[in-house]
Amino acid sequence: MKILQIIKTFTHVLLTIVIIIFIVTGIGITNYHIIDEITAGALSKVTLFQIHSNLPIPLIVLLIAHIGFTIGKKFHRKHQASAEE
């Protein structure tokens, strides 16, 4: 049971990181001069676009895992309650 909790936590943390990166790169594409100044030119508009373009699949996979863990948790509770009756 402990390993499942570690996997859930890891999934939630990764999902949060991917969402933050997705938002920052999206802002960086439209307002690239701001991100260019913040990163001292390390992240150009092209680089931000490449990162942003590669994020939808990991975002979807992590979101499905997150939803699956949440639904599984609720189903498990409901199943336990009906088994006890």
C-alpha atoms as a PDB file:
ATOM      1  CA  MET A   1       0.000   0.000   0.000  1.00  0.00           C
ATOM      2  CA  LYS A   2       2.878   2.346   0.733  1.00  0.00           C
ATOM      3  CA  ILE A   3       4.302   1.994  -2.795  1.00  0.00           C
ATOM      4  CA  LEU A   4       0.930   2.981  -4.257  1.00  0.00           C
ATOM      5  CA  GLN A   5       0.927   6.147  -2.140  1.00  0.00           C
ATOM      6  CA  ILE A   6       4.436   7.005  -3.369  1.00  0.00           C
ATOM      7  CA  ILE A   7       3.342   6.518  -6.995  1.00  0.00           C
ATOM      8  CA  LYS A   8       0.254   8.703  -6.432  1.00  0.00           C
ATOM      9  CA  THR A   9       2.327  11.466  -4.840  1.00  0.00           C
ATOM     10  CA  PHE A  10       4.935  11.267  -7.604  1.00  0.00           C
ATOM     11  CA  THR A  11       2.177  11.482 -10.244  1.00  0.00           C
ATOM     12  CA  HIS A  12       0.604  14.518  -8.574  1.00  0.00           C
ATOM     13  CA  VAL A  13       3.948  16.307  -8.255  1.00  0.00           C
ATOM     14  CA  LEU A  14       4.853  15.592 -11.895  1.00  0.00           C
ATOM     15  CA  LEU A  15       1.426  16.783 -13.049  1.00  0.00           C
ATOM     16  CA  THR A  16       1.873  20.031 -11.129  1.00  0.00           C
ATOM     17  CA  ILE A  17       5.339  20.579 -12.623  1.00  0.00           C
ATOM     18  CA  VAL A  18       4.141  19.849 -16.176  1.00  0.00           C
ATOM     19  CA  ILE A  19       1.201  22.260 -15.794  1.00  0.00           C
ATOM     20  CA  ILE A  20       3.490  25.024 -14.500  1.00  0.00           C
ATOM     21  CA  ILE A  21       5.966  24.471 -17.352  1.00  0.00           C
ATOM     22  CA  PHE A  22       3.079  24.403 -19.851  1.00  0.00           C
ATOM     23  CA  ILE A  23       1.784  27.762 -18.580  1.00  0.00           C
ATOM     24  CA  VAL A  24       5.239  29.381 -18.412  1.00  0.00           C
ATOM     25  CA  THR A  25       6.195  28.238 -21.922  1.00  0.00           C
ATOM     26  CA  GLY A  26       2.828  29.411 -23.254  1.00  0.00           C
ATOM     27  CA  ILE A  27       3.411  32.836 -21.747  1.00  0.00           C
ATOM     28  CA  GLY A  28       6.982  32.714 -23.041  1.00  0.00           C
ATOM     29  CA  ILE A  29       5.779  32.134 -26.598  1.00  0.00           C
ATOM     30  CA  THR A  30       3.511  35.179 -26.544  1.00  0.00           C
ATOM     31  CA  ASN A  31       5.744  37.410 -24.391  1.00  0.00           C
ATOM     32  CA  TYR A  32       9.141  35.974 -25.285  1.00  0.00           C
ATOM     33  CA  HIS A  33      11.050  39.140 -24.403  1.00  0.00           C
ATOM     34  CA  ILE A  34      10.134  38.712 -20.712  1.00  0.00           C
ATOM     35  CA  ILE A  35      11.328  35.089 -20.520  1.00  0.00           C
ATOM     36  CA  ASP A  36      14.389  35.971 -22.603  1.00  0.00           C
ATOM     37  CA  GLU A  37      15.391  38.599 -20.034  1.00  0.00           C
ATOM     38  CA  ILE A  38      14.647  36.348 -17.049  1.00  0.00           C
ATOM     39  CA  THR A  39      16.699  33.441 -18.441  1.00  0.00           C
ATOM     40  CA  ALA A  40      19.444  35.681 -19.879  1.00  0.00           C
ATOM     41  CA  GLY A  41      18.779  34.362 -23.378  1.00  0.00           C
ATOM     42  CA  ALA A  42      18.936  30.676 -22.424  1.00  0.00           C
ATOM     43  CA  LEU A  43      15.327  30.092 -23.516  1.00  0.00           C
ATOM     44  CA  SER A  44      14.473  31.593 -26.869  1.00  0.00           C
ATOM     45  CA  LYS A  45      11.017  31.744 -28.416  1.00  0.00           C
ATOM     46  CA  VAL A  46      11.846  28.718 -30.585  1.00  0.00           C
ATOM     47  CA  THR A  47      13.014  26.670 -27.589  1.00  0.00           C
ATOM     48  CA  LEU A  48       9.914  27.606 -25.609  1.00  0.00           C
ATOM     49  CA  PHE A  49       7.723  26.605 -28.548  1.00  0.00           C
ATOM     50  CA  GLN A  50       9.473  23.227 -28.828  1.00  0.00           C
ATOM     51  CA  ILE A  51       9.045  22.545 -25.112  1.00  0.00           C
ATOM     52  CA  HIS A  52       5.408  23.676 -25.210  1.00  0.00           C
ATOM     53  CA  SER A  53       4.684  21.526 -28.267  1.00  0.00           C
ATOM     54  CA  ASN A  54       6.078  18.393 -26.590  1.00  0.00           C
ATOM     55  CA  LEU A  55       4.088  18.754 -23.354  1.00  0.00           C
ATOM     56  CA  PRO A  56       0.497  17.772 -24.329  1.00  0.00           C
ATOM     57  CA  ILE A  57       1.093  13.993 -24.339  1.00  0.00           C
ATOM     58  CA  PRO A  58       2.798  13.881 -20.897  1.00  0.00           C
ATOM     59  CA  LEU A  59       0.110  16.249 -19.607  1.00  0.00           C
ATOM     60  CA  ILE A  60      -2.695  13.993 -20.850  1.00  0.00           C
ATOM     61  CA  VAL A  61      -1.041  10.808 -19.521  1.00  0.00           C
ATOM     62  CA  LEU A  62      -0.463  12.341 -16.080  1.00  0.00           C
ATOM     63  CA  LEU A  63      -3.977  13.790 -16.007  1.00  0.00           C
ATOM     64  CA  ILE A  64      -5.497  10.390 -16.815  1.00  0.00           C
ATOM     65  CA  ALA A  65      -3.356   8.782 -14.087  1.00  0.00           C
ATOM     66  CA  HIS A  66      -4.424  11.476 -11.614  1.00  0.00           C
ATOM     67  CA  ILE A  67      -8.106  10.978 -12.456  1.00  0.00           C
ATOM     68  CA  GLY A  68      -7.692   7.203 -12.311  1.00  0.00           C
ATOM     69  CA  PHE A  69      -6.154   7.336  -8.839  1.00  0.00           C
ATOM     70  CA  THR A  70      -8.942   9.634  -7.625  1.00  0.00           C
ATOM     71  CA  ILE A  71     -11.750   7.511  -9.059  1.00  0.00           C
ATOM     72  CA  GLY A  72     -10.065   4.322  -7.842  1.00  0.00           C
ATOM     73  CA  LYS A  73      -9.825   5.732  -4.329  1.00  0.00           C
ATOM     74  CA  LYS A  74     -13.529   6.641  -4.269  1.00  0.00           C
ATOM     75  CA  PHE A  75     -14.532   3.296  -5.779  1.00  0.00           C
ATOM     76  CA  HIS A  76     -12.401   1.444  -3.234  1.00  0.00           C
ATOM     77  CA  ARG A  77     -14.060   3.315  -0.338  1.00  0.00           C
ATOM     78  CA  LYS A  78     -17.544   2.680  -1.705  1.00  0.00           C
ATOM     79  CA  HIS A  79     -16.723  -0.995  -2.273  1.00  0.00           C
ATOM     80  CA  GLN A  80     -15.367  -1.354   1.272  1.00  0.00           C
ATOM     81  CA  ALA A  81     -18.478   0.278   2.772  1.00  0.00           C
ATOM     82  CA  SER A  82     -20.827  -2.056   0.886  1.00  0.00           C
ATOM     83  CA  ALA A  83     -18.751  -5.109   1.862  1.00  0.00           C
ATOM     84  CA  GLU A  84     -18.966  -4.205   5.549  1.00  0.00           C
ATOM     85  CA  GLU A  85     -22.773  -4.020   5.486  1.00  0.00           C
END
